[in-house]
Amino acid sequence: MAPIARLAMAVLLFSATFINAAPTATNHQNDHEIRHFSRAVAEAVPGVKLVYKCTVPNTMAITFDDGPFEYTKQILKIFKDKKAKATFFVNGDNNGKIADYKDAVKQAYNEGHQIASHTWDHKDLTTLSVSEINSEMSKLDDALRGIIGVAPTYMRPPYGAINDLVTKTVGAKYTIVIWSQDTNDWRHEDDWKASLKVYQDNVKSAKGKGGEIFLQHETIKLTALELAPKAIDFAQKKKWKLVTVGECLGKSKDTWYRK
């Protein structure tokens, strides 16, 4: 399909979605549609560069959105036991408040996981003004400086929603990370095996290429307790090294953060 036709179709889908319901953090079906709309728009904007996959050979990244939450420390123990690293795209005020889970954030940072921004309270950035976007970013940055002493240089827009304004505003200061594989754990929270199948269907044996960036959520109990350990086991058996997004892009840790 031609880019213009694809964009037009995406816009129609986006419009229909908004007529039926405004996007919220709990309206996951609409969130999913917004994501596809935003990708179509990003492809049509010259100069947009988004991260979807790893580039370092034999590396793969497991990422968690929407935390920190009550399951974060359990996830950290699993990754420590299995000698793997993750990237946490955190909010300031979403399912939980970052101030209530600052010990978990600090532990993740100290154990070598990557802490990245998912904005302050998970608003769709494509609906905001430049000043509102900057506020979403700076408010979380300030909170993280108070917890781990630094602010992230990597971010993921809520819902994966991006447009030209968001790219220009956020992209000037942050590496924008989307994903290549959505485990859809938000769609079937009680069926972790369906999410594991996304790994099984898309993770082939490591053969010198960069791997996938997987999206899942640390706010979902079965993702933390069942999906995470089994996904790690499956990927490691395929000889993948599970690392942070920064590492899977070949970037040193000192570039993941700013003072």
Protein backbone atom coordinates (compact mmCIF):
# COMPACT_ATOMS: atom_id res chain seq x y z
CA MET A 1 0.00 0.00 0.00
CA ALA A 2 1.31 3.47 -0.89
CA PRO A 3 2.39 5.68 2.07
CA ILE A 4 -0.36 8.24 1.38
CA ALA A 5 -3.04 5.57 1.23
CA ARG A 6 -1.71 3.95 4.37
CA LEU A 7 -1.75 7.30 6.16
CA ALA A 8 -5.30 8.04 5.03
CA MET A 9 -6.50 4.67 6.25
CA ALA A 10 -4.78 5.20 9.60
CA VAL A 11 -6.37 8.62 10.01
CA LEU A 12 -9.83 7.16 9.37
CA LEU A 13 -9.17 4.47 11.96
CA PHE A 14 -7.92 7.05 14.43
CA SER A 15 -11.00 9.24 13.91
CA ALA A 16 -13.38 6.34 14.40
CA THR A 17 -11.58 5.36 17.58
CA PHE A 18 -11.92 8.85 19.04
CA ILE A 19 -15.62 9.06 18.20
CA ASN A 20 -16.27 5.90 20.19
CA ALA A 21 -14.02 6.59 23.17
CA ALA A 22 -11.19 8.83 24.25
CA PRO A 23 -7.95 6.93 24.93
CA THR A 24 -7.19 6.16 28.56
CA ALA A 25 -4.64 3.98 30.31
CA THR A 26 -7.37 1.39 30.97
CA ASN A 27 -9.02 1.39 27.55
CA HIS A 28 -6.51 -1.02 26.04
CA GLN A 29 -8.33 -1.75 22.79
CA ASN A 30 -8.31 1.93 21.84
CA ASP A 31 -4.70 2.21 22.99
CA HIS A 32 -3.79 -0.52 20.52
CA GLU A 33 -5.51 1.28 17.64
CA ILE A 34 -3.78 4.55 18.52
CA ARG A 35 -0.43 2.80 18.36
CA HIS A 36 -1.02 1.68 14.79
CA PHE A 37 -2.19 5.15 13.83
CA SER A 38 0.90 6.73 15.34
CA ARG A 39 3.25 4.41 13.48
CA ALA A 40 1.62 5.31 10.16
CA VAL A 41 2.04 9.01 10.89
CA ALA A 42 5.65 8.59 11.95
CA GLU A 43 6.47 6.79 8.69
CA ALA A 44 5.03 9.73 6.75
CA VAL A 45 7.11 12.39 8.54
CA PRO A 46 10.57 12.94 6.99
CA GLY A 47 13.46 12.70 9.41
CA VAL A 48 11.66 10.71 12.10
CA LYS A 49 13.97 8.11 13.60
CA LEU A 50 12.47 5.73 16.12
CA VAL A 51 14.08 2.70 17.74
CA TYR A 52 12.25 -0.55 17.10
CA LYS A 53 14.93 -3.26 17.27
CA CYS A 54 18.33 -4.02 18.72
CA THR A 55 21.39 -3.48 16.54
CA VAL A 56 24.14 -5.26 18.49
CA PRO A 57 24.48 -8.87 17.29
CA ASN A 58 22.93 -11.57 19.48
CA THR A 59 21.28 -9.13 21.89
CA MET A 60 17.60 -8.81 22.74
CA ALA A 61 15.74 -6.41 25.05
CA ILE A 62 12.82 -7.13 27.36
CA THR A 63 11.10 -3.90 28.37
CA PHE A 64 8.47 -3.13 30.99
CA ASP A 65 6.02 -0.21 30.86
CA ASP A 66 3.74 1.58 33.34
CA GLY A 67 5.61 0.90 36.59
CA PRO A 68 6.92 1.04 39.13
CA PHE A 69 4.41 -1.23 40.83
CA GLU A 70 4.04 -3.87 43.51
CA TYR A 71 5.53 -6.59 41.28
CA THR A 72 8.70 -4.70 40.35
CA LYS A 73 10.90 -6.23 43.04
CA GLN A 74 9.74 -9.73 42.10
CA ILE A 75 10.73 -9.03 38.51
CA LEU A 76 14.13 -7.79 39.67
CA LYS A 77 14.76 -11.00 41.60
CA ILE A 78 13.89 -13.10 38.56
CA PHE A 79 16.25 -11.16 36.32
CA LYS A 80 19.03 -11.29 38.91
CA ASP A 81 18.67 -15.04 39.36
CA LYS A 82 18.79 -15.56 35.59
CA LYS A 83 21.64 -13.07 35.01
CA ALA A 84 19.62 -10.92 32.62
CA LYS A 85 18.93 -7.20 32.34
CA ALA A 86 15.75 -5.27 31.52
CA THR A 87 14.64 -1.74 30.71
CA PHE A 88 11.92 -0.12 32.79
CA PHE A 89 9.93 2.70 31.16
CA VAL A 90 8.49 4.26 34.30
CA ASN A 91 5.75 6.77 35.08
CA GLY A 92 5.49 9.19 37.96
CA ASP A 93 1.77 8.76 38.59
CA ASN A 94 0.01 5.96 36.73
CA ASN A 95 -0.99 2.58 38.20
CA GLY A 96 1.21 3.43 41.16
CA LYS A 97 3.00 6.55 42.35
CA ILE A 98 6.76 6.58 41.89
CA ALA A 99 7.25 8.04 45.37
CA ASP A 100 5.67 4.89 46.84
CA TYR A 101 8.04 2.59 44.94
CA LYS A 102 11.25 4.60 44.95
CA ASP A 103 13.13 1.75 46.65
CA ALA A 104 12.28 -0.54 43.74
CA VAL A 105 13.40 2.07 41.20
CA LYS A 106 16.65 2.60 43.07
CA GLN A 107 17.24 -1.15 43.28
CA ALA A 108 16.66 -1.59 39.54
CA TYR A 109 19.11 1.22 38.79
CA ASN A 110 21.75 -0.10 41.20
CA GLU A 111 21.49 -3.60 39.74
CA GLY A 112 22.31 -2.33 36.26
CA HIS A 113 18.89 -2.25 34.67
CA GLN A 114 18.01 0.77 32.56
CA ILE A 115 15.53 3.31 33.90
CA ALA A 116 13.81 5.21 31.09
CA SER A 117 10.93 7.67 30.84
CA HIS A 118 7.32 6.82 30.06
CA THR A 119 6.25 10.39 30.99
CA TRP A 120 4.77 11.60 34.27
CA ASP A 121 1.18 10.35 34.10
CA HIS A 122 0.83 8.47 30.82
CA LYS A 123 -0.99 11.07 28.74
CA ASP A 124 -1.16 10.65 24.96
CA LEU A 125 1.54 13.13 23.95
CA THR A 126 -0.03 13.67 20.52
CA THR A 127 -2.93 15.46 22.22
CA LEU A 128 -0.70 17.92 24.11
CA SER A 129 0.97 21.26 23.39
CA VAL A 130 4.74 21.72 23.39
CA SER A 131 4.69 23.13 26.92
CA GLU A 132 2.51 20.27 28.15
CA ILE A 133 4.80 17.69 26.55
CA ASN A 134 7.83 19.31 28.17
CA SER A 135 6.05 19.30 31.52
CA GLU A 136 5.29 15.57 31.22
CA MET A 137 8.97 14.90 30.61
CA SER A 138 10.56 17.34 33.06
CA LYS A 139 8.31 16.40 35.97
CA LEU A 140 9.38 12.76 35.76
CA ASP A 141 13.01 13.75 35.19
CA ASP A 142 12.97 15.78 38.40
CA ALA A 143 11.41 12.90 40.35
CA LEU A 144 14.03 10.45 39.08
CA ARG A 145 16.86 12.83 39.93
CA GLY A 146 15.53 12.79 43.47
CA ILE A 147 15.55 8.97 43.54
CA ILE A 148 18.59 7.83 41.52
CA GLY A 149 20.46 11.11 41.07
CA VAL A 150 20.08 11.26 37.28
CA ALA A 151 17.41 11.68 34.60
CA PRO A 152 16.94 9.32 31.64
CA THR A 153 17.90 10.09 28.05
CA TYR A 154 15.67 7.30 26.70
CA MET A 155 11.88 7.46 26.57
CA ARG A 156 8.85 5.61 25.25
CA PRO A 157 5.70 7.61 24.43
CA PRO A 158 2.53 6.29 26.10
CA TYR A 159 0.56 4.04 23.71
CA GLY A 160 3.50 4.34 21.29
CA ALA A 161 1.70 7.48 20.08
CA ILE A 162 3.95 9.83 18.14
CA ASN A 163 3.58 12.62 15.60
CA ASP A 164 5.76 15.35 14.12
CA LEU A 165 5.30 17.70 17.09
CA VAL A 166 6.12 15.00 19.63
CA THR A 167 9.14 13.88 17.64
CA LYS A 168 10.55 17.39 17.36
CA THR A 169 9.84 18.24 21.00
CA VAL A 170 10.96 15.01 22.64
CA GLY A 171 13.48 13.79 20.06
CA ALA A 172 15.75 16.76 20.68
CA LYS A 173 16.60 15.45 24.16
CA TYR A 174 15.68 11.77 24.23
CA THR A 175 16.16 8.58 22.26
CA ILE A 176 12.60 7.51 21.38
CA VAL A 177 12.07 3.77 21.78
CA ILE A 178 9.01 1.95 20.48
CA TRP A 179 9.10 -1.88 20.19
CA SER A 180 9.20 -4.60 17.57
CA GLN A 181 7.07 -7.16 19.43
CA ASP A 182 4.06 -6.47 21.66
CA THR A 183 3.36 -9.41 23.95
CA ASN A 184 -0.23 -8.15 24.30
CA ASP A 185 -0.13 -9.01 27.99
CA TRP A 186 -2.54 -6.11 28.53
CA ARG A 187 -5.04 -7.80 26.22
CA HIS A 188 -5.12 -11.14 28.04
CA GLU A 189 -3.88 -10.50 31.57
CA ASP A 190 -4.97 -13.95 32.78
CA ASP A 191 -3.39 -15.90 29.93
CA TRP A 192 0.39 -15.53 30.14
CA LYS A 193 0.86 -18.46 27.75
CA ALA A 194 -0.59 -16.36 24.92
CA SER A 195 2.08 -13.74 25.62
CA LEU A 196 4.81 -16.37 25.81
CA LYS A 197 3.75 -17.56 22.36
CA VAL A 198 4.79 -14.14 21.00
CA TYR A 199 8.33 -15.01 22.10
CA GLN A 200 8.08 -18.53 20.77
CA ASP A 201 6.82 -17.34 17.38
CA ASN A 202 9.31 -14.50 16.93
CA VAL A 203 12.55 -15.46 18.68
CA LYS A 204 14.72 -17.59 16.45
CA SER A 205 18.22 -18.81 17.28
CA ALA A 206 20.76 -16.00 17.61
CA LYS A 207 22.92 -15.90 14.48
CA GLY A 208 24.85 -12.67 14.65
CA LYS A 209 21.96 -10.24 14.15
CA GLY A 210 20.30 -7.70 16.42
CA GLY A 211 17.20 -9.03 18.13
CA GLU A 212 13.72 -7.91 19.05
CA ILE A 213 12.59 -5.32 21.58
CA PHE A 214 9.67 -6.82 23.52
CA LEU A 215 6.93 -4.82 25.23
CA GLN A 216 5.25 -6.03 28.40
CA HIS A 217 3.96 -4.47 31.62
CA GLU A 218 5.27 -4.79 35.17
CA THR A 219 1.78 -3.94 36.46
CA ILE A 220 0.39 -7.33 35.42
CA LYS A 221 0.83 -10.07 38.01
CA LEU A 222 1.16 -13.03 35.66
CA THR A 223 3.61 -11.11 33.49
CA ALA A 224 5.82 -10.72 36.54
CA LEU A 225 5.42 -14.21 37.98
CA GLU A 226 4.99 -16.44 34.92
CA LEU A 227 5.78 -14.70 31.64
CA ALA A 228 9.04 -13.00 32.64
CA PRO A 229 10.95 -16.08 33.85
CA LYS A 230 9.74 -18.30 31.04
CA ALA A 231 10.49 -15.68 28.38
CA ILE A 232 14.02 -15.32 29.73
CA ASP A 233 14.54 -19.08 29.73
CA PHE A 234 13.25 -19.41 26.17
CA ALA A 235 15.43 -16.59 24.81
CA GLN A 236 18.56 -17.77 26.59
CA LYS A 237 18.11 -21.28 25.20
CA LYS A 238 18.14 -19.65 21.76
CA LYS A 239 21.52 -18.11 22.70
CA TRP A 240 20.30 -14.53 23.03
CA LYS A 241 21.91 -12.16 25.53
CA LEU A 242 19.19 -10.26 27.39
CA VAL A 243 20.36 -6.69 27.90
CA THR A 244 19.06 -3.15 28.30
CA VAL A 245 17.88 -1.16 25.30
CA GLY A 246 20.91 1.10 25.59
CA GLU A 247 23.26 -1.87 25.51
CA CYS A 248 21.45 -3.55 22.64
CA LEU A 249 21.99 -0.36 20.63
CA GLY A 250 25.69 -0.32 21.46
CA LYS A 251 25.48 2.72 23.74
CA SER A 252 27.55 2.96 26.93
CA LYS A 253 25.79 3.39 30.27
CA ASP A 254 27.01 6.97 30.70
CA THR A 255 24.83 7.95 27.71
CA TRP A 256 21.63 6.51 29.21
CA TYR A 257 21.30 9.34 31.71
CA ARG A 258 21.98 13.03 32.29
CA LYS A 259 22.48 14.99 35.49
